[in-house]
Amino acid sequence: MTALLTSREPFVKAGLPYLLLSCLLSLSAAIAGSRSGSARAQAPATVGRAHRAGRSKEGRSDIARFGERVQATLESMGNDKAYWGLIINDADTGEVLYSLNASRYFMPASNAKLFTTAMALATLGPDFHIRTTVESAAEPDSSGHLEGDLVLVGRGDANLSSRVVPFAEHAERNGPPEKALADLADQVAASGVKEISGDIVADDGYFAPERYPPGWGIDDAVWSYGAAVSALAINDNFISVILHPGATIGAPLIYSAAPWPGIYEMHNDTLTTAAGTEPKLRLARDPDSRTFHLTGTLPLDAAARELQLAVTQPAENAAAILMQLLEARGVRVEGRSRARHGDRSALPQADSPTHVLAEHTSPALLEDVRLTNKLSMNLHAELLLRVAARERAGATTIDEVLAFATGFWQSVGIAPDDVQLSDGSGLSRGDLVTPQSVVQLLTYALRQPWGADFAATLPVAGQDGTLETRMRGTAAAGQVHAKTGLVEHVNSLSGYATSRRGAHLIFSIFGNNTGTHGRDALNAVDSICVAMVEELAPHKQTRAPPSAINRRAASNQAQGRISR
């Protein structure tokens, strides 16, 4: 496959101003209210009929003004072929304030991560940790000789990298991308192993070998956002390639790659062009090929470019890197590096007796949820989905995993036909949800003991994550805490907001079939959020002082704890 070098996408400070005690006491009615208040039959609306299709609370001038602004915003796009859905609930009363096509299907893009991360927190708990181990059937003898294979066992940890955790405002790295694996190699060497008679084996059999969920595109597999899913994920299963112009015009580009396991090839047919010319880079790789073919040009005065190339054989990649690291530490390996995959038709087996020579423990699950939502990490969402289903139901195949997830969503009151997801990240073009189901999920999450922490994992408008540069300098900055979603012809945003008049809101906005008007659609979503914050008022009988959750969160912030 050939792909142009394009980019795809991939909250809150501790005090959550919209979390009120009255909200927590009344949200039990909101799940039912969201559905009954917005499930009335609605004909698909074109832009010109947006306000007529929208349902709003009668007799309130603030909602009438908001509806007029929604209509004006959608009409200003000049695109009558796009399809829009929107629902806003009062979090304190559960009332549906405004509804447009809220019971219709929309592709959610990364808003699907809301369903995945909430389910992971509910089923595994915020403090759940994942172990990655290096094991052997025997112990090394007194001379350091280890008979048999050395096995790296993965169980779905998405943070086997050098990423700094917890996330704080911006993604940071500390050390080489294979740092977590290097730490395991250090432990093996420290255990006294000097020679291994067998192979270095990477075992990702914790899940069935189904690397790509249904509905992912063939071009997705080239780049890091579409990296293969495996119980072993080193550096998010991508290779970082840094490109620099050559020394002279006509010279090939200079590149470095890390981590480079030695099982891939890079064919570099690039050229350096005159300063000021347009860069034109292309990357080609056939499905499952281990050969990357880089072509195109980069001007002499260009800054370095990074390409994040997806790994298609994650376990093989991990085994090769671990073998390199061990040999660099003086450990002699007589065998080769290889992978061991699970059987998609086999039942999960109990662990056989082994000797653990090294172990890595993941950050708390809440911190991975924060990364997943703040930065919209597709692979992290896929692994959270699979780990939850594996741990709680013994599920290994994608069909079993999705059945577990569907059962969970139904158990919290979401109608079976309101959510049709075939992956955990939203990258699948087969995913469909209704706006009302998203609001129901967000309502459920807010009622849980981990609800405030979940809300704090969402990007903050104008401040961090995938909303860092959006809605800056508007009334919505700092007041909208929501998950973004973006794939071709899809733009979505769902989460929590506090209006400047004190209303506590739960909302979901979808734009589908936006065609070539992607930037216009994003601006429309942001304009609707600004209108929501500027116009909507609280129910006059639901005003309440900050809840105990707010006071606790504010105390955490004062003590300098990371809670973004």
Protein backbone atom coordinates (compact mmCIF):
# COMPACT_ATOMS: atom_id res chain seq x y z
CA MET A 1 0.00 0.00 0.00
CA THR A 2 1.08 3.58 -0.56
CA ALA A 3 0.18 6.41 1.76
CA LEU A 4 0.73 10.12 1.70
CA LEU A 5 2.27 11.52 4.84
CA THR A 6 -0.84 12.83 6.50
CA SER A 7 -1.78 13.28 10.14
CA ARG A 8 -4.79 12.15 12.14
CA GLU A 9 -5.72 12.76 15.67
CA PRO A 10 -3.97 10.58 17.13
CA PHE A 11 -9.73 17.14 31.27
CA VAL A 12 -9.63 18.92 33.46
CA LYS A 13 -7.87 20.48 36.29
CA ALA A 14 -8.63 18.78 39.53
CA GLY A 15 -11.53 21.09 40.33
CA LEU A 16 -14.51 19.96 38.25
CA PRO A 17 -16.84 22.94 38.50
CA TYR A 18 -19.85 21.12 37.12
CA LEU A 19 -19.87 18.28 39.64
CA LEU A 20 -22.45 19.24 42.24
CA LEU A 21 -23.97 17.23 45.03
CA SER A 22 -27.40 17.72 43.52
CA CYS A 23 -26.07 16.32 40.24
CA LEU A 24 -24.99 13.09 41.88
CA LEU A 25 -28.29 12.76 43.74
CA SER A 26 -30.46 13.26 40.66
CA LEU A 27 -28.54 11.51 37.90
CA SER A 28 -30.37 8.24 38.49
CA ALA A 29 -33.26 9.86 36.63
CA ALA A 30 -31.07 11.18 33.86
CA ILE A 31 -30.51 7.87 32.07
CA ALA A 32 -34.23 7.36 31.64
CA GLY A 33 -34.77 11.07 31.01
CA SER A 34 -32.22 11.22 28.26
CA ARG A 35 -33.90 8.43 26.38
CA SER A 36 -37.53 9.44 26.86
CA GLY A 37 -36.80 13.09 26.20
CA SER A 38 -35.09 12.60 22.88
CA ALA A 39 -36.32 9.37 21.35
CA ARG A 40 -39.21 10.99 19.53
CA ALA A 41 -39.33 10.33 15.81
CA GLN A 42 -37.21 12.82 13.90
CA ALA A 43 -36.78 13.04 10.16
CA PRO A 44 -33.18 13.41 9.02
CA ALA A 45 -32.44 17.11 8.98
CA THR A 46 -30.60 19.08 6.35
CA VAL A 47 -28.73 22.16 7.45
CA GLY A 48 -31.55 24.43 6.38
CA ARG A 49 -33.98 22.61 8.68
CA ALA A 50 -31.62 22.17 11.62
CA HIS A 51 -33.60 24.21 14.10
CA ARG A 52 -36.96 22.78 13.07
CA ALA A 53 -35.58 19.27 13.64
CA GLY A 54 -34.10 20.24 16.98
CA ARG A 55 -36.25 19.60 20.04
CA SER A 56 -35.85 21.94 23.01
CA LYS A 57 -37.42 22.69 26.35
CA GLU A 58 -40.42 24.96 25.72
CA GLY A 59 -40.78 28.39 27.28
CA ARG A 60 -37.09 29.07 27.91
CA SER A 61 -35.54 32.00 26.12
CA ASP A 62 -31.98 30.80 26.77
CA ILE A 63 -32.63 27.53 24.92
CA ALA A 64 -34.42 29.39 22.12
CA ARG A 65 -31.37 31.61 21.63
CA PHE A 66 -29.11 28.58 21.66
CA GLY A 67 -31.26 26.85 19.03
CA GLU A 68 -31.08 29.89 16.78
CA ARG A 69 -27.29 29.91 17.07
CA VAL A 70 -27.11 26.20 16.24
CA GLN A 71 -29.19 26.79 13.11
CA ALA A 72 -27.07 29.77 12.07
CA THR A 73 -23.85 27.83 12.65
CA LEU A 74 -24.87 24.85 10.55
CA GLU A 75 -26.28 27.02 7.77
CA SER A 76 -23.06 29.05 7.63
CA MET A 77 -21.13 25.91 6.62
CA GLY A 78 -22.79 26.00 3.20
CA ASN A 79 -22.94 22.19 3.20
CA ASP A 80 -26.47 20.81 3.08
CA LYS A 81 -25.27 17.24 2.63
CA ALA A 82 -23.76 16.85 6.10
CA TYR A 83 -25.80 15.12 8.81
CA TRP A 84 -25.82 16.44 12.38
CA GLY A 85 -26.86 15.04 15.74
CA LEU A 86 -26.86 16.84 19.07
CA ILE A 87 -28.19 16.40 22.57
CA ILE A 88 -27.67 18.48 25.70
CA ASN A 89 -28.91 17.38 29.13
CA ASP A 90 -29.12 19.35 32.34
CA ALA A 91 -26.87 17.27 34.61
CA ASP A 92 -28.70 18.42 37.74
CA THR A 93 -32.23 17.52 36.65
CA GLY A 94 -31.73 15.01 33.84
CA GLU A 95 -33.86 17.15 31.53
CA VAL A 96 -33.15 17.15 27.81
CA LEU A 97 -32.59 20.81 26.98
CA TYR A 98 -31.96 20.42 23.27
CA SER A 99 -32.10 17.44 20.92
CA LEU A 100 -31.40 17.06 17.22
CA ASN A 101 -31.43 13.55 15.68
CA ALA A 102 -30.35 12.23 19.08
CA SER A 103 -31.79 8.76 18.49
CA ARG A 104 -30.21 8.37 15.05
CA TYR A 105 -27.01 6.49 14.24
CA PHE A 106 -23.72 8.33 13.73
CA MET A 107 -20.16 7.20 13.25
CA PRO A 108 -18.50 8.19 16.54
CA ALA A 109 -14.81 8.17 15.57
CA SER A 110 -12.81 8.46 18.80
CA ASN A 111 -15.90 9.16 20.88
CA ALA A 112 -16.04 5.35 21.00
CA LYS A 113 -13.16 5.60 23.49
CA LEU A 114 -15.64 6.96 26.04
CA PHE A 115 -17.43 3.60 26.04
CA THR A 116 -14.15 1.69 26.28
CA THR A 117 -12.51 3.71 29.04
CA ALA A 118 -15.66 3.91 31.19
CA MET A 119 -16.10 0.15 30.88
CA ALA A 120 -12.46 -0.48 31.82
CA LEU A 121 -12.77 1.66 34.95
CA ALA A 122 -16.06 0.01 35.92
CA THR A 123 -14.87 -3.58 35.44
CA LEU A 124 -11.20 -3.40 36.42
CA GLY A 125 -11.09 -0.39 38.75
CA PRO A 126 -8.87 2.70 38.65
CA ASP A 127 -6.01 0.98 40.52
CA PHE A 128 -5.72 -2.09 38.30
CA HIS A 129 -2.17 -2.92 37.14
CA ILE A 130 -0.82 -5.16 34.38
CA ARG A 131 2.25 -7.38 34.73
CA THR A 132 4.73 -8.07 31.94
CA THR A 133 7.22 -10.80 32.82
CA VAL A 134 10.31 -12.51 31.51
CA GLU A 135 10.14 -16.21 32.39
CA SER A 136 11.97 -19.48 31.94
CA ALA A 137 11.20 -23.12 32.60
CA ALA A 138 14.41 -23.53 34.61
CA GLU A 139 16.62 -21.36 36.75
CA PRO A 140 20.09 -20.37 35.61
CA ASP A 141 22.82 -22.58 37.06
CA SER A 142 25.76 -21.33 39.09
CA SER A 143 27.71 -20.45 35.94
CA GLY A 144 24.87 -18.33 34.56
CA HIS A 145 23.76 -20.89 31.96
CA LEU A 146 20.01 -20.97 31.31
CA GLU A 147 18.74 -24.13 29.65
CA GLY A 148 15.83 -23.64 27.26
CA ASP A 149 13.97 -20.56 26.04
CA LEU A 150 13.65 -17.18 27.66
CA VAL A 151 10.04 -16.01 27.30
CA LEU A 152 8.69 -12.46 27.36
CA VAL A 153 5.02 -12.71 28.39
CA GLY A 154 2.72 -9.84 27.49
CA ARG A 155 -0.66 -9.21 29.10
CA GLY A 156 -1.80 -6.05 27.36
CA ASP A 157 0.28 -3.27 28.95
CA ALA A 158 0.11 -0.29 26.56
CA ASN A 159 2.90 1.60 28.32
CA LEU A 160 6.01 -0.46 27.56
CA SER A 161 7.80 2.66 26.37
CA SER A 162 9.62 5.71 27.66
CA ARG A 163 6.46 7.78 28.04
CA VAL A 164 6.25 9.84 31.21
CA VAL A 165 3.28 8.81 33.34
CA PRO A 166 1.18 10.45 34.72
CA PHE A 167 0.32 12.73 31.81
CA ALA A 168 0.55 16.43 32.66
CA GLU A 169 -0.53 18.93 29.98
CA HIS A 170 1.75 17.56 27.26
CA ALA A 171 3.07 14.14 26.23
CA GLU A 172 6.65 13.65 27.40
CA ARG A 173 9.30 10.99 26.93
CA ASN A 174 12.21 10.09 29.17
CA GLY A 175 14.84 7.92 27.54
CA PRO A 176 14.92 5.69 24.45
CA PRO A 177 11.62 4.26 23.18
CA GLU A 178 12.54 0.73 24.27
CA LYS A 179 13.26 1.85 27.84
CA ALA A 180 10.74 -0.49 29.52
CA LEU A 181 12.16 -3.48 27.68
CA ALA A 182 15.70 -2.38 28.55
CA ASP A 183 14.72 -2.38 32.22
CA LEU A 184 13.58 -6.00 31.86
CA ALA A 185 16.86 -6.91 30.16
CA ASP A 186 18.74 -5.29 33.06
CA GLN A 187 16.82 -7.47 35.52
CA VAL A 188 17.60 -10.63 33.54
CA ALA A 189 21.31 -9.80 33.51
CA ALA A 190 21.21 -8.94 37.21
CA SER A 191 19.65 -12.34 37.95
CA GLY A 192 22.91 -13.94 36.87
CA VAL A 193 21.97 -15.11 33.37
CA LYS A 194 25.03 -15.11 31.10
CA GLU A 195 24.08 -17.66 28.46
CA ILE A 196 20.77 -18.90 27.04
CA SER A 197 20.72 -22.19 25.17
CA GLY A 198 17.30 -21.66 23.59
CA ASP A 199 15.42 -18.87 21.86
CA ILE A 200 14.16 -15.46 22.91
CA VAL A 201 10.40 -15.91 22.66
CA ALA A 202 7.76 -13.17 22.80
CA ASP A 203 4.43 -14.62 23.92
CA ASP A 204 1.35 -12.53 23.10
CA GLY A 205 -1.09 -15.41 23.52
CA TYR A 206 -3.03 -13.53 26.21
CA PHE A 207 -5.30 -12.52 23.31
CA ALA A 208 -6.18 -14.42 20.15
CA PRO A 209 -3.97 -13.38 17.20
CA GLU A 210 -6.38 -10.85 15.67
CA ARG A 211 -4.26 -7.80 15.03
CA TYR A 212 -6.77 -5.61 13.20
CA PRO A 213 -10.38 -5.09 14.30
CA PRO A 214 -13.19 -5.27 11.73
CA GLY A 215 -13.65 -2.06 9.77
CA TRP A 216 -10.09 -0.74 9.91
CA GLY A 217 -8.80 0.53 6.56
CA ILE A 218 -5.79 -0.95 4.78
CA ASP A 219 -4.03 2.43 4.82
CA ASP A 220 -4.44 2.68 8.60
CA ALA A 221 -1.90 -0.13 9.08
CA VAL A 222 0.96 2.04 7.76
CA TRP A 223 0.94 4.62 10.53
CA SER A 224 1.12 4.54 14.32
CA TYR A 225 -2.57 5.34 14.80
CA GLY A 226 -3.38 2.02 13.10
CA ALA A 227 -0.68 -0.13 14.71
CA ALA A 228 -1.42 -3.83 15.09
CA VAL A 229 -3.10 -4.90 18.33
CA SER A 230 -1.18 -7.40 20.46
CA ALA A 231 -0.73 -8.30 24.11
CA LEU A 232 2.84 -7.06 23.59
CA ALA A 233 3.11 -3.40 22.61
CA ILE A 234 6.64 -1.97 22.64
CA ASN A 235 6.68 1.81 22.12
CA ASP A 236 3.00 1.75 21.13
CA ASN A 237 3.94 -0.68 18.35
CA PHE A 238 5.53 1.91 16.12
CA ILE A 239 9.01 2.80 14.88
CA SER A 240 10.00 6.46 14.95
CA VAL A 241 11.87 7.45 11.77
CA ILE A 242 13.57 10.87 11.82
CA LEU A 243 14.35 12.34 8.38
CA HIS A 244 16.86 15.10 7.66
CA PRO A 245 17.79 16.70 4.33
CA GLY A 246 21.04 15.47 2.80
CA ALA A 247 24.16 17.64 2.77
CA THR A 248 23.66 18.74 -0.86
CA ILE A 249 20.94 19.01 -3.46
CA GLY A 250 20.37 15.61 -5.02
CA ALA A 251 21.66 13.68 -2.00
CA PRO A 252 19.37 11.08 -0.36
CA LEU A 253 17.70 12.05 2.88
CA ILE A 254 19.42 10.96 6.09
CA TYR A 255 17.30 8.94 8.47
CA SER A 256 17.49 7.24 11.85
CA ALA A 257 14.97 4.75 13.24
CA ALA A 258 14.19 3.65 16.80
CA PRO A 259 13.55 1.16 18.12
CA TRP A 260 15.00 -0.73 15.16
CA PRO A 261 14.70 -4.49 15.73
CA GLY A 262 16.58 -5.63 12.64
CA ILE A 263 13.64 -7.57 11.19
CA TYR A 264 12.57 -4.74 8.85
CA GLU A 265 14.15 -3.16 5.79
CA MET A 266 14.01 0.49 4.71
CA HIS A 267 14.47 1.28 1.02
CA ASN A 268 15.43 4.94 0.86
CA ASP A 269 14.79 6.40 -2.59
CA THR A 270 14.50 10.01 -1.52
CA LEU A 271 16.21 13.18 -2.71
CA THR A 272 17.16 16.51 -1.21
CA THR A 273 15.82 19.43 -3.28
CA ALA A 274 16.55 23.15 -3.40
CA ALA A 275 15.69 25.29 -0.43
CA GLY A 276 12.14 26.59 -0.48
CA THR A 277 10.69 23.80 -2.59
CA GLU A 278 7.65 21.86 -1.47
CA PRO A 279 8.31 18.64 0.47
CA LYS A 280 6.75 15.56 -1.13
CA LEU A 281 7.21 12.34 0.81
CA ARG A 282 5.53 8.98 0.30
CA LEU A 283 5.76 5.72 2.16
CA ALA A 284 4.77 2.38 0.66
CA ARG A 285 4.43 -1.01 2.32
CA ASP A 286 2.42 -4.02 1.27
CA PRO A 287 0.21 -5.62 3.93
CA ASP A 288 2.32 -7.68 6.34
CA SER A 289 5.51 -6.82 4.45
CA ARG A 290 8.64 -6.11 6.48
CA THR A 291 9.93 -3.71 3.83
CA PHE A 292 9.25 0.03 3.94
CA HIS A 293 9.79 1.97 0.72
CA LEU A 294 10.35 5.67 1.26
CA THR A 295 10.28 7.98 -1.75
CA GLY A 296 9.94 11.69 -2.45
CA THR A 297 11.78 14.89 -1.64
CA LEU A 298 12.62 17.24 1.21
CA PRO A 299 14.12 20.72 0.66
CA LEU A 300 17.62 21.53 1.81
CA ASP A 301 16.39 24.03 4.40
CA ALA A 302 13.65 21.81 5.84
CA ALA A 303 13.47 20.95 9.52
CA ALA A 304 13.65 17.30 10.56
CA ARG A 305 10.50 15.27 9.94
CA GLU A 306 9.29 12.38 12.07
CA LEU A 307 7.36 9.45 10.63
CA GLN A 308 5.73 7.02 13.02
CA LEU A 309 5.63 3.71 11.15
CA ALA A 310 3.32 1.03 12.49
CA VAL A 311 4.71 -2.36 13.49
CA THR A 312 2.71 -5.17 11.89
CA GLN A 313 4.27 -8.09 13.85
CA PRO A 314 4.37 -6.80 17.44
CA ALA A 315 5.50 -10.01 19.16
CA GLU A 316 8.25 -10.69 16.61
CA ASN A 317 9.33 -7.07 17.00
CA ALA A 318 9.45 -7.36 20.80
CA ALA A 319 11.47 -10.60 20.72
CA ALA A 320 14.05 -9.13 18.34
CA ILE A 321 14.50 -5.98 20.43
CA LEU A 322 14.83 -7.96 23.68
CA MET A 323 17.47 -10.18 22.09
CA GLN A 324 19.44 -7.10 21.00
CA LEU A 325 19.23 -5.64 24.51
CA LEU A 326 20.36 -8.86 26.18
CA GLU A 327 23.33 -9.27 23.84
CA ALA A 328 24.30 -5.65 24.49
CA ARG A 329 24.48 -6.60 28.19
CA GLY A 330 26.83 -9.50 27.54
CA VAL A 331 24.23 -12.29 27.55
CA ARG A 332 25.02 -14.89 24.89
CA VAL A 333 21.98 -16.31 23.08
CA GLU A 334 22.45 -19.54 21.16
CA GLY A 335 19.00 -19.54 19.57
CA ARG A 336 17.00 -16.92 17.66
CA SER A 337 14.21 -14.49 18.37
CA ARG A 338 10.67 -15.61 17.59
CA ALA A 339 7.04 -15.15 18.59
CA ARG A 340 4.50 -17.45 20.21
CA HIS A 341 0.88 -16.64 19.48
CA GLY A 342 -2.31 -17.89 21.03
CA ASP A 343 -4.90 -20.11 19.41
CA ARG A 344 -8.07 -18.16 18.65
CA SER A 345 -10.17 -21.30 19.14
CA ALA A 346 -8.55 -22.40 22.41
CA LEU A 347 -9.85 -21.66 25.87
CA PRO A 348 -7.60 -19.61 28.21
CA GLN A 349 -5.15 -21.89 29.97
CA ALA A 350 -3.82 -21.61 33.50
CA ASP A 351 -0.23 -20.39 33.72
CA SER A 352 2.27 -23.24 33.80
CA PRO A 353 4.89 -23.24 36.56
CA THR A 354 7.77 -20.95 35.55
CA HIS A 355 10.56 -18.94 37.05
CA VAL A 356 10.07 -15.20 36.75
CA LEU A 357 13.43 -13.55 36.08
CA ALA A 358 12.14 -10.02 35.43
CA GLU A 359 8.90 -8.13 35.85
CA HIS A 360 7.42 -4.79 34.79
CA THR A 361 4.27 -3.37 36.41
CA SER A 362 2.13 -0.93 34.48
CA PRO A 363 0.93 2.42 35.82
CA ALA A 364 -2.50 2.38 37.46
CA LEU A 365 -5.28 1.88 34.94
CA LEU A 366 -6.65 5.37 35.60
CA GLU A 367 -3.40 6.85 34.27
CA ASP A 368 -3.70 4.85 31.06
CA VAL A 369 -7.31 5.99 30.71
CA ARG A 370 -6.01 9.55 31.04
CA LEU A 371 -3.51 9.00 28.22
CA THR A 372 -6.13 7.27 26.10
CA ASN A 373 -8.65 10.09 26.39
CA LYS A 374 -6.34 13.10 26.49
CA LEU A 375 -4.25 12.01 23.49
CA SER A 376 -6.80 9.77 21.75
CA MET A 377 -4.54 6.71 21.75
CA ASN A 378 -6.10 4.04 19.54
CA LEU A 379 -3.88 1.14 20.57
CA HIS A 380 -4.38 1.94 24.26
CA ALA A 381 -8.15 1.82 23.84
CA GLU A 382 -7.98 -1.49 22.00
CA LEU A 383 -5.86 -2.99 24.76
CA LEU A 384 -8.10 -1.65 27.54
CA LEU A 385 -11.09 -3.28 25.84
CA ARG A 386 -9.34 -6.63 25.54
CA VAL A 387 -7.78 -6.66 28.99
CA ALA A 388 -11.13 -5.93 30.66
CA ALA A 389 -12.85 -8.73 28.73
CA ARG A 390 -9.98 -11.16 29.30
CA GLU A 391 -9.73 -10.48 33.03
CA ARG A 392 -13.44 -10.47 33.79
CA ALA A 393 -14.84 -12.98 31.30
CA GLY A 394 -11.89 -14.98 29.99
CA ALA A 395 -12.56 -13.56 26.52
CA THR A 396 -9.73 -13.92 24.01
CA THR A 397 -11.27 -13.49 20.54
CA ILE A 398 -12.62 -10.19 19.25
CA ASP A 399 -16.13 -11.66 19.03
CA GLU A 400 -16.00 -12.67 22.70
CA VAL A 401 -14.55 -9.29 23.66
CA LEU A 402 -17.29 -7.36 21.85
CA ALA A 403 -19.98 -9.59 23.36
CA PHE A 404 -18.62 -8.77 26.83
CA ALA A 405 -18.60 -5.05 26.06
CA THR A 406 -22.14 -5.13 24.67
CA GLY A 407 -23.36 -6.89 27.79
CA PHE A 408 -21.76 -4.23 29.96
CA TRP A 409 -23.34 -1.30 28.09
CA GLN A 410 -26.74 -2.92 28.32
CA SER A 411 -26.25 -3.53 32.03
CA VAL A 412 -25.92 0.21 32.66
CA GLY A 413 -29.18 0.97 30.85
CA ILE A 414 -28.12 1.65 27.25
CA ALA A 415 -30.50 0.14 24.68
CA PRO A 416 -28.99 -2.80 22.75
CA ASP A 417 -29.54 -1.12 19.38
CA ASP A 418 -28.12 2.26 20.39
CA VAL A 419 -24.47 1.17 20.31
CA GLN A 420 -22.91 -0.90 17.53
CA LEU A 421 -19.13 -0.95 18.04
CA SER A 422 -16.68 -3.34 16.42
CA ASP A 423 -13.55 -1.97 18.09
CA GLY A 424 -12.50 -0.05 21.20
CA SER A 425 -10.98 3.04 19.60
CA GLY A 426 -13.48 4.26 17.01
CA LEU A 427 -11.14 3.77 14.07
CA SER A 428 -13.52 1.18 12.58
CA ARG A 429 -15.75 2.55 9.86
CA GLY A 430 -18.40 0.10 11.02
CA ASP A 431 -18.96 1.78 14.39
CA LEU A 432 -22.35 3.40 15.04
CA VAL A 433 -23.79 5.07 18.15
CA THR A 434 -26.61 7.46 18.93
CA PRO A 435 -25.92 10.81 20.62
CA GLN A 436 -28.39 9.88 23.36
CA SER A 437 -26.42 6.71 24.15
CA VAL A 438 -23.26 8.76 24.65
CA VAL A 439 -25.04 11.07 27.09
CA GLN A 440 -26.45 8.05 28.91
CA LEU A 441 -22.94 6.63 29.24
CA LEU A 442 -21.55 9.95 30.51
CA THR A 443 -24.42 10.19 32.98
CA TYR A 444 -23.70 6.69 34.27
CA ALA A 445 -19.97 7.43 34.59
CA LEU A 446 -20.55 10.58 36.61
CA ARG A 447 -22.51 8.59 39.22
CA GLN A 448 -19.67 6.14 39.89
CA PRO A 449 -17.09 6.46 42.68
CA TRP A 450 -14.51 7.08 39.95
CA GLY A 451 -16.75 9.55 38.09
CA ALA A 452 -14.81 12.70 38.96
CA ASP A 453 -11.54 10.99 38.03
CA PHE A 454 -13.04 9.86 34.72
CA ALA A 455 -14.17 13.39 33.88
CA ALA A 456 -10.66 14.60 34.69
CA THR A 457 -9.23 12.33 31.97
CA LEU A 458 -11.03 14.24 29.21
CA PRO A 459 -9.31 17.04 27.26
CA VAL A 460 -9.96 20.61 28.40
CA ALA A 461 -10.98 23.16 25.80
CA GLY A 462 -8.10 25.55 25.10
CA GLN A 463 -5.82 23.86 27.62
CA ASP A 464 -4.64 20.32 26.96
CA GLY A 465 -4.88 17.09 25.03
CA THR A 466 -6.66 17.06 21.69
CA LEU A 467 -8.56 20.24 22.67
CA GLU A 468 -5.45 22.23 23.54
CA THR A 469 -5.68 24.56 20.54
CA ARG A 470 -9.47 24.63 20.21
CA MET A 471 -11.86 27.25 21.63
CA ARG A 472 -9.00 29.35 22.96
CA GLY A 473 -10.04 32.85 23.93
CA THR A 474 -13.74 31.93 24.04
CA ALA A 475 -16.22 31.46 26.85
CA ALA A 476 -15.83 27.70 26.41
CA ALA A 477 -12.10 27.63 27.22
CA GLY A 478 -11.61 25.75 30.46
CA GLN A 479 -15.35 25.04 30.75
CA VAL A 480 -15.71 22.21 28.22
CA HIS A 481 -14.21 18.86 29.15
CA ALA A 482 -14.82 16.46 26.31
CA LYS A 483 -13.56 13.66 24.08
CA THR A 484 -12.82 14.54 20.49
CA GLY A 485 -13.46 12.32 17.47
CA LEU A 486 -12.09 12.71 13.95
CA VAL A 487 -11.88 10.39 10.96
CA GLU A 488 -12.72 11.06 7.31
CA HIS A 489 -16.03 12.93 7.06
CA VAL A 490 -16.68 12.60 10.81
CA ASN A 491 -16.33 15.13 13.59
CA SER A 492 -17.59 14.52 17.12
CA LEU A 493 -17.27 15.95 20.61
CA SER A 494 -18.95 14.66 23.78
CA GLY A 495 -18.48 15.35 27.47
CA TYR A 496 -19.27 17.73 30.29
CA ALA A 497 -19.54 21.52 30.41
CA THR A 498 -20.33 24.36 32.79
CA SER A 499 -22.05 27.39 31.29
CA ARG A 500 -21.05 30.87 32.37
CA ARG A 501 -24.48 31.16 34.02
CA GLY A 502 -23.78 28.07 36.13
CA ALA A 503 -25.60 25.31 34.25
CA HIS A 504 -24.06 21.85 34.52
CA LEU A 505 -24.38 20.11 31.18
CA ILE A 506 -23.78 16.72 29.61
CA PHE A 507 -23.63 16.87 25.82
CA SER A 508 -22.87 14.98 22.63
CA ILE A 509 -22.34 16.52 19.17
CA PHE A 510 -21.87 14.58 15.93
CA GLY A 511 -21.26 15.70 12.36
CA ASN A 512 -21.20 12.96 9.72
CA ASN A 513 -20.86 13.03 5.94
CA THR A 514 -19.06 16.37 6.13
CA GLY A 515 -17.28 15.73 2.81
CA THR A 516 -14.39 18.06 2.12
CA HIS A 517 -15.57 20.52 4.75
CA GLY A 518 -13.63 18.96 7.60
CA ARG A 519 -12.27 22.22 9.02
CA ASP A 520 -15.70 23.84 8.70
CA ALA A 521 -17.25 20.93 10.58
CA LEU A 522 -14.70 21.24 13.39
CA ASN A 523 -15.38 24.98 13.63
CA ALA A 524 -19.11 24.29 13.72
CA VAL A 525 -18.70 21.88 16.65
CA ASP A 526 -16.64 24.47 18.52
CA SER A 527 -19.17 27.22 17.78
CA ILE A 528 -21.98 25.06 19.16
CA CYS A 529 -19.95 24.52 22.34
CA VAL A 530 -19.36 28.25 22.71
CA ALA A 531 -23.08 28.93 22.23
CA MET A 532 -23.91 26.26 24.80
CA VAL A 533 -21.61 27.85 27.39
CA GLU A 534 -22.73 31.40 26.66
CA GLU A 535 -26.48 30.86 26.47
CA LEU A 536 -27.69 28.01 28.65
CA ALA A 537 -28.80 28.70 32.23
CA PRO A 538 -29.38 26.31 35.12
CA HIS A 539 -32.83 25.29 36.26
CA LYS A 540 -33.58 27.97 38.83
CA GLN A 541 -34.41 25.44 41.52
CA THR A 542 -31.32 23.26 41.14
CA ARG A 543 -28.59 25.71 42.09
CA ALA A 544 -26.34 24.08 44.68
CA PRO A 545 -23.01 24.70 46.41
CA PRO A 546 -19.90 22.80 45.29
CA SER A 547 -20.04 19.14 46.21
CA ALA A 548 -17.69 17.19 48.41
CA ILE A 549 -16.08 15.88 45.22
CA ASN A 550 -15.30 19.43 44.14
CA ARG A 551 -13.83 20.28 47.50
CA ARG A 552 -11.67 17.15 47.45
CA ALA A 553 -10.51 17.87 43.91
CA ALA A 554 -9.68 21.45 44.74
CA SER A 555 -7.65 20.24 47.71
CA ASN A 556 -5.78 17.84 45.43
CA GLN A 557 -4.98 20.70 43.07
CA ALA A 558 -3.67 22.82 45.93
CA GLN A 559 -1.34 19.99 46.90
CA GLY A 560 0.06 19.90 43.34
CA ARG A 561 -1.26 16.47 42.39
CA ILE A 562 -1.49 15.66 38.70
CA SER A 563 -5.12 15.22 37.74
CA ARG A 564 -5.41 16.31 34.12
